[in-house]
Amino acid sequence: DDVIGIDSINDYYDVDLKYGRLKESGVLKSIKDGENIEYNKPI
């Protein structure tokens, strides 16, 4: 399927875990790259 995923990545719990999931999905190269995600810009 063609999938577009969205998320606010709020800090309700550890954002590094959220970045880890995005890394596992191929969206990020590393967990640290999560800090550089731009709002409303497709990756």
PDB file of all heavy atoms in Angstrom:
ATOM      1  N   ASP A   1       0.841  -1.203   0.000  1.00  0.00           N
ATOM      2  CA  ASP A   1       0.000   0.000   0.000  1.00  0.00           C
ATOM      3  C   ASP A   1       0.872   1.248   0.000  1.00  0.00           C
ATOM      4  O   ASP A   1       1.999   1.233   0.504  1.00  0.00           O
ATOM      5  CB  ASP A   1      -0.895   0.018   1.244  1.00  0.00           C
ATOM      6  CG  ASP A   1      -1.942  -1.086   1.230  1.00  0.00           C
ATOM      7  OD1 ASP A   1      -2.766  -1.100   0.309  1.00  0.00           O
ATOM      8  OD2 ASP A   1      -1.928  -1.936   2.143  1.00  0.00           O
ATOM      9  N   ASP A   2       0.345   2.335  -0.564  1.00  0.00           N
ATOM     10  CA  ASP A   2       1.004   3.634  -0.445  1.00  0.00           C
ATOM     11  C   ASP A   2       0.609   4.227   0.905  1.00  0.00           C
ATOM     12  O   ASP A   2      -0.590   4.452   1.158  1.00  0.00           O
ATOM     13  CB  ASP A   2       0.581   4.572  -1.576  1.00  0.00           C
ATOM     14  CG  ASP A   2       1.191   4.176  -2.904  1.00  0.00           C
ATOM     15  OD1 ASP A   2       2.323   3.667  -2.899  1.00  0.00           O
ATOM     16  OD2 ASP A   2       0.528   4.371  -3.937  1.00  0.00           O
ATOM     17  N   VAL A   3       1.589   4.468   1.763  1.00  0.00           N
ATOM     18  CA  VAL A   3       1.307   4.892   3.135  1.00  0.00           C
ATOM     19  C   VAL A   3       1.909   6.260   3.400  1.00  0.00           C
ATOM     20  O   VAL A   3       3.085   6.505   3.102  1.00  0.00           O
ATOM     21  CB  VAL A   3       1.871   3.874   4.153  1.00  0.00           C
ATOM     22  CG1 VAL A   3       1.580   4.334   5.581  1.00  0.00           C
ATOM     23  CG2 VAL A   3       1.295   2.490   3.906  1.00  0.00           C
ATOM     24  N   ILE A   4       1.097   7.138   3.956  1.00  0.00           N
ATOM     25  CA  ILE A   4       1.606   8.382   4.530  1.00  0.00           C
ATOM     26  C   ILE A   4       1.311   8.337   6.024  1.00  0.00           C
ATOM     27  O   ILE A   4       0.174   8.115   6.445  1.00  0.00           O
ATOM     28  CB  ILE A   4       0.978   9.620   3.875  1.00  0.00           C
ATOM     29  CG1 ILE A   4       1.486   9.739   2.431  1.00  0.00           C
ATOM     30  CG2 ILE A   4       1.306  10.881   4.671  1.00  0.00           C
ATOM     31  CD1 ILE A   4       0.993  10.942   1.683  1.00  0.00           C
ATOM     32  N   GLY A   5       2.356   8.477   6.822  1.00  0.00           N
ATOM     33  CA  GLY A   5       2.220   8.449   8.270  1.00  0.00           C
ATOM     34  C   GLY A   5       2.439   9.831   8.847  1.00  0.00           C
ATOM     35  O   GLY A   5       3.324  10.559   8.385  1.00  0.00           O
ATOM     36  N   ILE A   6       1.622  10.197   9.818  1.00  0.00           N
ATOM     37  CA  ILE A   6       1.830  11.468  10.507  1.00  0.00           C
ATOM     38  C   ILE A   6       1.873  11.244  12.012  1.00  0.00           C
ATOM     39  O   ILE A   6       1.309  10.284  12.525  1.00  0.00           O
ATOM     40  CB  ILE A   6       0.756  12.530  10.155  1.00  0.00           C
ATOM     41  CG1 ILE A   6      -0.630  12.105  10.654  1.00  0.00           C
ATOM     42  CG2 ILE A   6       0.741  12.805   8.658  1.00  0.00           C
ATOM     43  CD1 ILE A   6      -1.696  13.185  10.459  1.00  0.00           C
ATOM     44  N   ASP A   7       2.568  12.139  12.705  1.00  0.00           N
ATOM     45  CA  ASP A   7       2.681  12.061  14.159  1.00  0.00           C
ATOM     46  C   ASP A   7       3.184  13.406  14.660  1.00  0.00           C
ATOM     47  O   ASP A   7       4.014  14.047  14.002  1.00  0.00           O
ATOM     48  CB  ASP A   7       3.659  10.949  14.564  1.00  0.00           C
ATOM     49  CG  ASP A   7       3.482  10.516  16.017  1.00  0.00           C
ATOM     50  OD1 ASP A   7       3.754  11.336  16.918  1.00  0.00           O
ATOM     51  OD2 ASP A   7       3.080   9.363  16.249  1.00  0.00           O
ATOM     52  N   SER A   8       2.704  13.821  15.822  1.00  0.00           N
ATOM     53  CA  SER A   8       3.166  15.091  16.399  1.00  0.00           C
ATOM     54  C   SER A   8       4.497  14.935  17.120  1.00  0.00           C
ATOM     55  O   SER A   8       5.176  15.916  17.398  1.00  0.00           O
ATOM     56  CB  SER A   8       2.123  15.635  17.383  1.00  0.00           C
ATOM     57  OG  SER A   8       2.028  14.786  18.521  1.00  0.00           O
ATOM     58  N   ILE A   9       4.878  13.701  17.431  1.00  0.00           N
ATOM     59  CA  ILE A   9       6.092  13.381  18.211  1.00  0.00           C
ATOM     60  C   ILE A   9       6.148  14.221  19.489  1.00  0.00           C
ATOM     61  O   ILE A   9       7.136  14.903  19.765  1.00  0.00           O
ATOM     62  CB  ILE A   9       7.388  13.545  17.372  1.00  0.00           C
ATOM     63  CG1 ILE A   9       7.206  13.030  15.950  1.00  0.00           C
ATOM     64  CG2 ILE A   9       8.553  12.801  18.037  1.00  0.00           C
ATOM     65  CD1 ILE A   9       8.448  13.126  15.081  1.00  0.00           C
ATOM     66  N   ASN A  10       5.067  14.175  20.269  1.00  0.00           N
ATOM     67  CA  ASN A  10       5.079  14.934  21.528  1.00  0.00           C
ATOM     68  C   ASN A  10       5.948  14.227  22.570  1.00  0.00           C
ATOM     69  O   ASN A  10       6.439  13.126  22.353  1.00  0.00           O
ATOM     70  CB  ASN A  10       3.647  15.176  22.047  1.00  0.00           C
ATOM     71  CG  ASN A  10       2.956  13.898  22.506  1.00  0.00           C
ATOM     72  OD1 ASN A  10       3.591  12.926  22.903  1.00  0.00           O
ATOM     73  ND2 ASN A  10       1.631  13.896  22.450  1.00  0.00           N
ATOM     74  N   ASP A  11       6.144  14.890  23.688  1.00  0.00           N
ATOM     75  CA  ASP A  11       7.082  14.373  24.699  1.00  0.00           C
ATOM     76  C   ASP A  11       6.347  13.715  25.866  1.00  0.00           C
ATOM     77  O   ASP A  11       6.854  13.708  26.994  1.00  0.00           O
ATOM     78  CB  ASP A  11       8.007  15.482  25.193  1.00  0.00           C
ATOM     79  CG  ASP A  11       7.255  16.638  25.865  1.00  0.00           C
ATOM     80  OD1 ASP A  11       5.998  16.598  25.901  1.00  0.00           O
ATOM     81  OD2 ASP A  11       7.918  17.578  26.334  1.00  0.00           O
ATOM     82  N   TYR A  12       5.159  13.149  25.620  1.00  0.00           N
ATOM     83  CA  TYR A  12       4.440  12.429  26.688  1.00  0.00           C
ATOM     84  C   TYR A  12       5.316  11.332  27.273  1.00  0.00           C
ATOM     85  O   TYR A  12       5.283  11.063  28.462  1.00  0.00           O
ATOM     86  CB  TYR A  12       3.130  11.859  26.121  1.00  0.00           C
ATOM     87  CG  TYR A  12       2.457  10.842  27.017  1.00  0.00           C
ATOM     88  CD1 TYR A  12       2.045  11.185  28.302  1.00  0.00           C
ATOM     89  CD2 TYR A  12       2.242   9.537  26.591  1.00  0.00           C
ATOM     90  CE1 TYR A  12       1.428  10.254  29.131  1.00  0.00           C
ATOM     91  CE2 TYR A  12       1.633   8.600  27.401  1.00  0.00           C
ATOM     92  CZ  TYR A  12       1.227   8.964  28.668  1.00  0.00           C
ATOM     93  OH  TYR A  12       0.633   8.027  29.482  1.00  0.00           O
ATOM     94  N   TYR A  13       6.095  10.665  26.430  1.00  0.00           N
ATOM     95  CA  TYR A  13       7.126   9.749  26.910  1.00  0.00           C
ATOM     96  C   TYR A  13       8.368   9.911  26.038  1.00  0.00           C
ATOM     97  O   TYR A  13       8.358  10.675  25.063  1.00  0.00           O
ATOM     98  CB  TYR A  13       6.634   8.295  26.962  1.00  0.00           C
ATOM     99  CG  TYR A  13       6.185   7.686  25.639  1.00  0.00           C
ATOM    100  CD1 TYR A  13       7.108   7.246  24.692  1.00  0.00           C
ATOM    101  CD2 TYR A  13       4.832   7.516  25.354  1.00  0.00           C
ATOM    102  CE1 TYR A  13       6.702   6.669  23.505  1.00  0.00           C
ATOM    103  CE2 TYR A  13       4.420   6.933  24.169  1.00  0.00           C
ATOM    104  CZ  TYR A  13       5.357   6.511  23.244  1.00  0.00           C
ATOM    105  OH  TYR A  13       4.964   5.949  22.058  1.00  0.00           O
ATOM    106  N   ASP A  14       9.421   9.224  26.386  1.00  0.00           N
ATOM    107  CA  ASP A  14      10.739   9.339  25.779  1.00  0.00           C
ATOM    108  C   ASP A  14      10.681   9.440  24.252  1.00  0.00           C
ATOM    109  O   ASP A  14      10.338   8.483  23.564  1.00  0.00           O
ATOM    110  CB  ASP A  14      11.575   8.115  26.194  1.00  0.00           C
ATOM    111  CG  ASP A  14      12.982   8.160  25.636  1.00  0.00           C
ATOM    112  OD1 ASP A  14      13.420   9.234  25.188  1.00  0.00           O
ATOM    113  OD2 ASP A  14      13.645   7.097  25.645  1.00  0.00           O
ATOM    114  N   VAL A  15      11.054  10.617  23.719  1.00  0.00           N
ATOM    115  CA  VAL A  15      10.996  10.803  22.260  1.00  0.00           C
ATOM    116  C   VAL A  15      12.040   9.953  21.538  1.00  0.00           C
ATOM    117  O   VAL A  15      11.875   9.638  20.358  1.00  0.00           O
ATOM    118  CB  VAL A  15      11.146  12.285  21.859  1.00  0.00           C
ATOM    119  CG1 VAL A  15       9.944  13.102  22.313  1.00  0.00           C
ATOM    120  CG2 VAL A  15      12.442  12.878  22.377  1.00  0.00           C
ATOM    121  N   ASP A  16      13.108   9.543  22.225  1.00  0.00           N
ATOM    122  CA  ASP A  16      14.105   8.697  21.569  1.00  0.00           C
ATOM    123  C   ASP A  16      13.511   7.352  21.146  1.00  0.00           C
ATOM    124  O   ASP A  16      13.923   6.758  20.149  1.00  0.00           O
ATOM    125  CB  ASP A  16      15.314   8.463  22.483  1.00  0.00           C
ATOM    126  CG  ASP A  16      16.276   9.645  22.478  1.00  0.00           C
ATOM    127  OD1 ASP A  16      16.081  10.558  21.652  1.00  0.00           O
ATOM    128  OD2 ASP A  16      17.206   9.660  23.305  1.00  0.00           O
ATOM    129  N   LEU A  17      12.532   6.861  21.911  1.00  0.00           N
ATOM    130  CA  LEU A  17      11.848   5.634  21.510  1.00  0.00           C
ATOM    131  C   LEU A  17      11.036   5.888  20.237  1.00  0.00           C
ATOM    132  O   LEU A  17      11.016   5.051  19.323  1.00  0.00           O
ATOM    133  CB  LEU A  17      10.942   5.129  22.630  1.00  0.00           C
ATOM    134  CG  LEU A  17      10.138   3.859  22.346  1.00  0.00           C
ATOM    135  CD1 LEU A  17      11.047   2.689  21.969  1.00  0.00           C
ATOM    136  CD2 LEU A  17       9.271   3.484  23.549  1.00  0.00           C
ATOM    137  N   LYS A  18      10.403   7.033  20.158  1.00  0.00           N
ATOM    138  CA  LYS A  18       9.655   7.388  18.943  1.00  0.00           C
ATOM    139  C   LYS A  18      10.602   7.549  17.747  1.00  0.00           C
ATOM    140  O   LYS A  18      10.307   7.077  16.646  1.00  0.00           O
ATOM    141  CB  LYS A  18       8.853   8.675  19.172  1.00  0.00           C
ATOM    142  CG  LYS A  18       7.825   8.543  20.294  1.00  0.00           C
ATOM    143  CD  LYS A  18       7.013   9.807  20.475  1.00  0.00           C
ATOM    144  CE  LYS A  18       5.991   9.634  21.599  1.00  0.00           C
ATOM    145  NZ  LYS A  18       5.073  10.771  21.752  1.00  0.00           N
ATOM    146  N   TYR A  19      11.739   8.197  17.985  1.00  0.00           N
ATOM    147  CA  TYR A  19      12.732   8.318  16.922  1.00  0.00           C
ATOM    148  C   TYR A  19      13.270   6.941  16.527  1.00  0.00           C
ATOM    149  O   TYR A  19      13.561   6.681  15.355  1.00  0.00           O
ATOM    150  CB  TYR A  19      13.892   9.214  17.359  1.00  0.00           C
ATOM    151  CG  TYR A  19      13.522  10.658  17.618  1.00  0.00           C
ATOM    152  CD1 TYR A  19      14.240  11.422  18.548  1.00  0.00           C
ATOM    153  CD2 TYR A  19      12.471  11.273  16.948  1.00  0.00           C
ATOM    154  CE1 TYR A  19      13.917  12.749  18.794  1.00  0.00           C
ATOM    155  CE2 TYR A  19      12.141  12.602  17.193  1.00  0.00           C
ATOM    156  CZ  TYR A  19      12.867  13.334  18.116  1.00  0.00           C
ATOM    157  OH  TYR A  19      12.553  14.646  18.362  1.00  0.00           O
ATOM    158  N   GLY A  20      13.399   6.049  17.516  1.00  0.00           N
ATOM    159  CA  GLY A  20      13.854   4.690  17.226  1.00  0.00           C
ATOM    160  C   GLY A  20      12.891   3.958  16.300  1.00  0.00           C
ATOM    161  O   GLY A  20      13.304   3.228  15.394  1.00  0.00           O
ATOM    162  N   ARG A  21      11.593   4.155  16.528  1.00  0.00           N
ATOM    163  CA  ARG A  21      10.594   3.538  15.639  1.00  0.00           C
ATOM    164  C   ARG A  21      10.719   4.114  14.227  1.00  0.00           C
ATOM    165  O   ARG A  21      10.615   3.382  13.235  1.00  0.00           O
ATOM    166  CB  ARG A  21       9.194   3.791  16.196  1.00  0.00           C
ATOM    167  CG  ARG A  21       8.910   3.110  17.534  1.00  0.00           C
ATOM    168  CD  ARG A  21       7.508   3.473  18.022  1.00  0.00           C
ATOM    169  NE  ARG A  21       7.222   2.956  19.361  1.00  0.00           N
ATOM    170  CZ  ARG A  21       6.689   3.671  20.340  1.00  0.00           C
ATOM    171  NH1 ARG A  21       6.395   4.958  20.143  1.00  0.00           N
ATOM    172  NH2 ARG A  21       6.440   3.116  21.516  1.00  0.00           N
ATOM    173  N   LEU A  22      10.909   5.430  14.143  1.00  0.00           N
ATOM    174  CA  LEU A  22      11.045   6.050  12.817  1.00  0.00           C
ATOM    175  C   LEU A  22      12.316   5.578  12.118  1.00  0.00           C
ATOM    176  O   LEU A  22      12.340   5.405  10.894  1.00  0.00           O
ATOM    177  CB  LEU A  22      11.028   7.575  12.946  1.00  0.00           C
ATOM    178  CG  LEU A  22       9.700   8.189  13.401  1.00  0.00           C
ATOM    179  CD1 LEU A  22       9.829   9.685  13.606  1.00  0.00           C
ATOM    180  CD2 LEU A  22       8.580   7.883  12.412  1.00  0.00           C
ATOM    181  N   LYS A  23      13.369   5.361  12.886  1.00  0.00           N
ATOM    182  CA  LYS A  23      14.598   4.790  12.310  1.00  0.00           C
ATOM    183  C   LYS A  23      14.328   3.383  11.774  1.00  0.00           C
ATOM    184  O   LYS A  23      14.745   3.024  10.672  1.00  0.00           O
ATOM    185  CB  LYS A  23      15.701   4.760  13.363  1.00  0.00           C
ATOM    186  CG  LYS A  23      17.011   4.126  12.899  1.00  0.00           C
ATOM    187  CD  LYS A  23      18.055   4.194  14.014  1.00  0.00           C
ATOM    188  CE  LYS A  23      19.359   3.535  13.589  1.00  0.00           C
ATOM    189  NZ  LYS A  23      19.236   2.069  13.524  1.00  0.00           N
ATOM    190  N   GLU A  24      13.620   2.582  12.541  1.00  0.00           N
ATOM    191  CA  GLU A  24      13.272   1.220  12.131  1.00  0.00           C
ATOM    192  C   GLU A  24      12.405   1.233  10.868  1.00  0.00           C
ATOM    193  O   GLU A  24      12.462   0.297  10.053  1.00  0.00           O
ATOM    194  CB  GLU A  24      12.532   0.514  13.273  1.00  0.00           C
ATOM    195  CG  GLU A  24      12.192  -0.935  13.015  1.00  0.00           C
ATOM    196  CD  GLU A  24      13.408  -1.859  13.025  1.00  0.00           C
ATOM    197  OE1 GLU A  24      14.490  -1.429  13.456  1.00  0.00           O
ATOM    198  OE2 GLU A  24      13.244  -3.006  12.590  1.00  0.00           O
ATOM    199  N   SER A  25      11.620   2.309  10.686  1.00  0.00           N
ATOM    200  CA  SER A  25      10.763   2.450   9.503  1.00  0.00           C
ATOM    201  C   SER A  25      11.515   2.999   8.294  1.00  0.00           C
ATOM    202  O   SER A  25      10.935   3.141   7.219  1.00  0.00           O
ATOM    203  CB  SER A  25       9.591   3.398   9.810  1.00  0.00           C
ATOM    204  OG  SER A  25       8.854   2.963  10.913  1.00  0.00           O
ATOM    205  N   GLY A  26      12.782   3.343   8.484  1.00  0.00           N
ATOM    206  CA  GLY A  26      13.568   3.899   7.383  1.00  0.00           C
ATOM    207  C   GLY A  26      13.402   5.393   7.206  1.00  0.00           C
ATOM    208  O   GLY A  26      13.920   5.974   6.249  1.00  0.00           O
ATOM    209  N   VAL A  27      12.672   6.045   8.131  1.00  0.00           N
ATOM    210  CA  VAL A  27      12.442   7.491   8.026  1.00  0.00           C
ATOM    211  C   VAL A  27      13.663   8.270   8.499  1.00  0.00           C
ATOM    212  O   VAL A  27      13.993   9.329   7.957  1.00  0.00           O
ATOM    213  CB  VAL A  27      11.191   7.887   8.847  1.00  0.00           C
ATOM    214  CG1 VAL A  27      11.042   9.400   8.948  1.00  0.00           C
ATOM    215  CG2 VAL A  27       9.939   7.270   8.229  1.00  0.00           C
ATOM    216  N   LEU A  28      14.357   7.744   9.511  1.00  0.00           N
ATOM    217  CA  LEU A  28      15.561   8.380  10.042  1.00  0.00           C
ATOM    218  C   LEU A  28      16.764   7.461   9.860  1.00  0.00           C
ATOM    219  O   LEU A  28      16.626   6.235   9.910  1.00  0.00           O
ATOM    220  CB  LEU A  28      15.396   8.692  11.530  1.00  0.00           C
ATOM    221  CG  LEU A  28      14.275   9.652  11.936  1.00  0.00           C
ATOM    222  CD1 LEU A  28      14.185   9.731  13.458  1.00  0.00           C
ATOM    223  CD2 LEU A  28      14.498  11.040  11.352  1.00  0.00           C
ATOM    224  N   LYS A  29      17.936   8.054   9.665  1.00  0.00           N
ATOM    225  CA  LYS A  29      19.167   7.254   9.605  1.00  0.00           C
ATOM    226  C   LYS A  29      19.667   6.913  10.997  1.00  0.00           C
ATOM    227  O   LYS A  29      20.297   5.874  11.201  1.00  0.00           O
ATOM    228  CB  LYS A  29      20.248   8.018   8.824  1.00  0.00           C
ATOM    229  CG  LYS A  29      19.947   8.149   7.339  1.00  0.00           C
ATOM    230  CD  LYS A  29      21.069   8.879   6.624  1.00  0.00           C
ATOM    231  CE  LYS A  29      20.768   8.998   5.125  1.00  0.00           C
ATOM    232  NZ  LYS A  29      21.832   9.761   4.411  1.00  0.00           N
ATOM    233  N   SER A  30      19.391   7.799  11.957  1.00  0.00           N
ATOM    234  CA  SER A  30      19.802   7.550  13.334  1.00  0.00           C
ATOM    235  C   SER A  30      18.795   8.195  14.276  1.00  0.00           C
ATOM    236  O   SER A  30      18.036   9.093  13.874  1.00  0.00           O
ATOM    237  CB  SER A  30      21.194   8.129  13.614  1.00  0.00           C
ATOM    238  OG  SER A  30      21.140   9.549  13.644  1.00  0.00           O
ATOM    239  N   ILE A  31      18.775   7.754  15.512  1.00  0.00           N
ATOM    240  CA  ILE A  31      17.862   8.330  16.494  1.00  0.00           C
ATOM    241  C   ILE A  31      18.147   9.818  16.683  1.00  0.00           C
ATOM    242  O   ILE A  31      17.236  10.630  16.820  1.00  0.00           O
ATOM    243  CB  ILE A  31      17.975   7.561  17.830  1.00  0.00           C
ATOM    244  CG1 ILE A  31      17.344   6.170  17.683  1.00  0.00           C
ATOM    245  CG2 ILE A  31      17.316   8.328  18.970  1.00  0.00           C
ATOM    246  CD1 ILE A  31      17.483   5.266  18.891  1.00  0.00           C
ATOM    247  N   LYS A  32      19.422  10.182  16.644  1.00  0.00           N
ATOM    248  CA  LYS A  32      19.806  11.585  16.837  1.00  0.00           C
ATOM    249  C   LYS A  32      19.223  12.486  15.746  1.00  0.00           C
ATOM    250  O   LYS A  32      18.942  13.658  15.974  1.00  0.00           O
ATOM    251  CB  LYS A  32      21.333  11.703  16.872  1.00  0.00           C
ATOM    252  CG  LYS A  32      21.827  13.058  17.349  1.00  0.00           C
ATOM    253  CD  LYS A  32      23.265  12.993  17.770  1.00  0.00           C
ATOM    254  CE  LYS A  32      23.760  14.340  18.291  1.00  0.00           C
ATOM    255  NZ  LYS A  32      23.017  14.794  19.466  1.00  0.00           N
ATOM    256  N   ASP A  33      19.013  11.936  14.540  1.00  0.00           N
ATOM    257  CA  ASP A  33      18.453  12.737  13.445  1.00  0.00           C
ATOM    258  C   ASP A  33      17.030  13.193  13.731  1.00  0.00           C
ATOM    259  O   ASP A  33      16.522  14.106  13.069  1.00  0.00           O
ATOM    260  CB  ASP A  33      18.461  11.924  12.140  1.00  0.00           C
ATOM    261  CG  ASP A  33      19.867  11.742  11.583  1.00  0.00           C
ATOM    262  OD1 ASP A  33      20.762  12.516  11.966  1.00  0.00           O
ATOM    263  OD2 ASP A  33      20.060  10.815  10.771  1.00  0.00           O
ATOM    264  N   GLY A  34      16.391  12.559  14.711  1.00  0.00           N
ATOM    265  CA  GLY A  34      15.025  12.948  15.038  1.00  0.00           C
ATOM    266  C   GLY A  34      14.903  14.395  15.470  1.00  0.00           C
ATOM    267  O   GLY A  34      13.866  15.032  15.251  1.00  0.00           O
ATOM    268  N   GLU A  35      15.940  14.923  16.080  1.00  0.00           N
ATOM    269  CA  GLU A  35      15.906  16.308  16.545  1.00  0.00           C
ATOM    270  C   GLU A  35      15.800  17.298  15.393  1.00  0.00           C
ATOM    271  O   GLU A  35      15.422  18.457  15.594  1.00  0.00           O
ATOM    272  CB  GLU A  35      17.171  16.605  17.363  1.00  0.00           C
ATOM    273  CG  GLU A  35      17.312  15.729  18.606  1.00  0.00           C
ATOM    274  CD  GLU A  35      18.682  15.862  19.247  1.00  0.00           C
ATOM    275  OE1 GLU A  35      19.465  16.725  18.782  1.00  0.00           O
ATOM    276  OE2 GLU A  35      18.961  15.134  20.213  1.00  0.00           O
ATOM    277  N   ASN A  36      16.121  16.857  14.185  1.00  0.00           N
ATOM    278  CA  ASN A  36      16.147  17.750  13.021  1.00  0.00           C
ATOM    279  C   ASN A  36      14.926  17.610  12.121  1.00  0.00           C
ATOM    280  O   ASN A  36      14.899  18.197  11.031  1.00  0.00           O
ATOM    281  CB  ASN A  36      17.417  17.492  12.203  1.00  0.00           C
ATOM    282  CG  ASN A  36      18.685  17.684  13.021  1.00  0.00           C
ATOM    283  OD1 ASN A  36      18.787  18.635  13.795  1.00  0.00           O
ATOM    284  ND2 ASN A  36      19.650  16.781  12.866  1.00  0.00           N
ATOM    285  N   ILE A  37      13.923  16.846  12.536  1.00  0.00           N
ATOM    286  CA  ILE A  37      12.719  16.699  11.716  1.00  0.00           C
ATOM    287  C   ILE A  37      11.994  18.045  11.628  1.00  0.00           C
ATOM    288  O   ILE A  37      11.716  18.680  12.634  1.00  0.00           O
ATOM    289  CB  ILE A  37      11.757  15.639  12.302  1.00  0.00           C
ATOM    290  CG1 ILE A  37      12.400  14.254  12.278  1.00  0.00           C
ATOM    291  CG2 ILE A  37      10.442  15.615  11.516  1.00  0.00           C
ATOM    292  CD1 ILE A  37      11.543  13.169  12.924  1.00  0.00           C
ATOM    293  N   GLU A  38      11.714  18.472  10.402  1.00  0.00           N
ATOM    294  CA  GLU A  38      11.007  19.732  10.195  1.00  0.00           C
ATOM    295  C   GLU A  38       9.500  19.497  10.193  1.00  0.00           C
ATOM    296  O   GLU A  38       9.015  18.500   9.667  1.00  0.00           O
ATOM    297  CB  GLU A  38      11.425  20.368   8.864  1.00  0.00           C
ATOM    298  CG  GLU A  38      12.875  20.820   8.822  1.00  0.00           C
ATOM    299  CD  GLU A  38      13.215  21.498   7.496  1.00  0.00           C
ATOM    300  OE1 GLU A  38      12.378  22.289   7.012  1.00  0.00           O
ATOM    301  OE2 GLU A  38      14.300  21.228   6.956  1.00  0.00           O
ATOM    302  N   TYR A  39       8.786  20.431  10.769  1.00  0.00           N
ATOM    303  CA  TYR A  39       7.328  20.326  10.849  1.00  0.00           C
ATOM    304  C   TYR A  39       6.697  20.419   9.459  1.00  0.00           C
ATOM    305  O   TYR A  39       7.066  21.270   8.640  1.00  0.00           O
ATOM    306  CB  TYR A  39       6.768  21.422  11.748  1.00  0.00           C
ATOM    307  CG  TYR A  39       5.278  21.303  12.000  1.00  0.00           C
ATOM    308  CD1 TYR A  39       4.783  20.373  12.904  1.00  0.00           C
ATOM    309  CD2 TYR A  39       4.367  22.108  11.306  1.00  0.00           C
ATOM    310  CE1 TYR A  39       3.410  20.246  13.142  1.00  0.00           C
ATOM    311  CE2 TYR A  39       2.996  22.001  11.535  1.00  0.00           C
ATOM    312  CZ  TYR A  39       2.536  21.053  12.444  1.00  0.00           C
ATOM    313  OH  TYR A  39       1.182  20.929  12.659  1.00  0.00           O
ATOM    314  N   ASN A  40       5.752  19.534   9.175  1.00  0.00           N
ATOM    315  CA  ASN A  40       4.950  19.533   7.947  1.00  0.00           C
ATOM    316  C   ASN A  40       5.795  19.380   6.681  1.00  0.00           C
ATOM    317  O   ASN A  40       5.420  19.870   5.608  1.00  0.00           O
ATOM    318  CB  ASN A  40       4.087  20.807   7.853  1.00  0.00           C
ATOM    319  CG  ASN A  40       2.947  20.649   6.864  1.00  0.00           C
ATOM    320  OD1 ASN A  40       2.381  19.555   6.723  1.00  0.00           O
ATOM    321  ND2 ASN A  40       2.606  21.718   6.159  1.00  0.00           N
ATOM    322  N   LYS A  41       6.918  18.698   6.792  1.00  0.00           N
ATOM    323  CA  LYS A  41       7.747  18.441   5.624  1.00  0.00           C
ATOM    324  C   LYS A  41       7.885  16.933   5.433  1.00  0.00           C
ATOM    325  O   LYS A  41       8.425  16.235   6.295  1.00  0.00           O
ATOM    326  CB  LYS A  41       9.135  19.065   5.799  1.00  0.00           C
ATOM    327  CG  LYS A  41      10.018  18.890   4.560  1.00  0.00           C
ATOM    328  CD  LYS A  41      11.349  19.600   4.723  1.00  0.00           C
ATOM    329  CE  LYS A  41      12.217  19.415   3.479  1.00  0.00           C
ATOM    330  NZ  LYS A  41      13.530  20.106   3.616  1.00  0.00           N
ATOM    331  N   PRO A  42       7.404  16.381   4.308  1.00  0.00           N
ATOM    332  CA  PRO A  42       7.442  14.925   4.096  1.00  0.00           C
ATOM    333  C   PRO A  42       8.867  14.382   4.078  1.00  0.00           C
ATOM    334  O   PRO A  42       9.783  15.009   3.522  1.00  0.00           O
ATOM    335  CB  PRO A  42       6.762  14.742   2.729  1.00  0.00           C
ATOM    336  CG  PRO A  42       5.972  15.985   2.510  1.00  0.00           C
ATOM    337  CD  PRO A  42       6.733  17.077   3.196  1.00  0.00           C
ATOM    338  N   ILE A  43       9.037  13.223   4.698  1.00  0.00           N
ATOM    339  CA  ILE A  43      10.318  12.513   4.681  1.00  0.00           C
ATOM    340  C   ILE A  43      10.083  11.144   4.047  1.00  0.00           C
ATOM    341  O   ILE A  43       9.237  10.385   4.487  1.00  0.00           O
ATOM    342  CB  ILE A  43      10.894  12.316   6.097  1.00  0.00           C
ATOM    343  CG1 ILE A  43      11.041  13.654   6.822  1.00  0.00           C
ATOM    344  CG2 ILE A  43      12.250  11.599   6.035  1.00  0.00           C
ATOM    345  CD1 ILE A  43      11.427  13.512   8.291  1.00  0.00           C
TER     346      ILE A  43
END
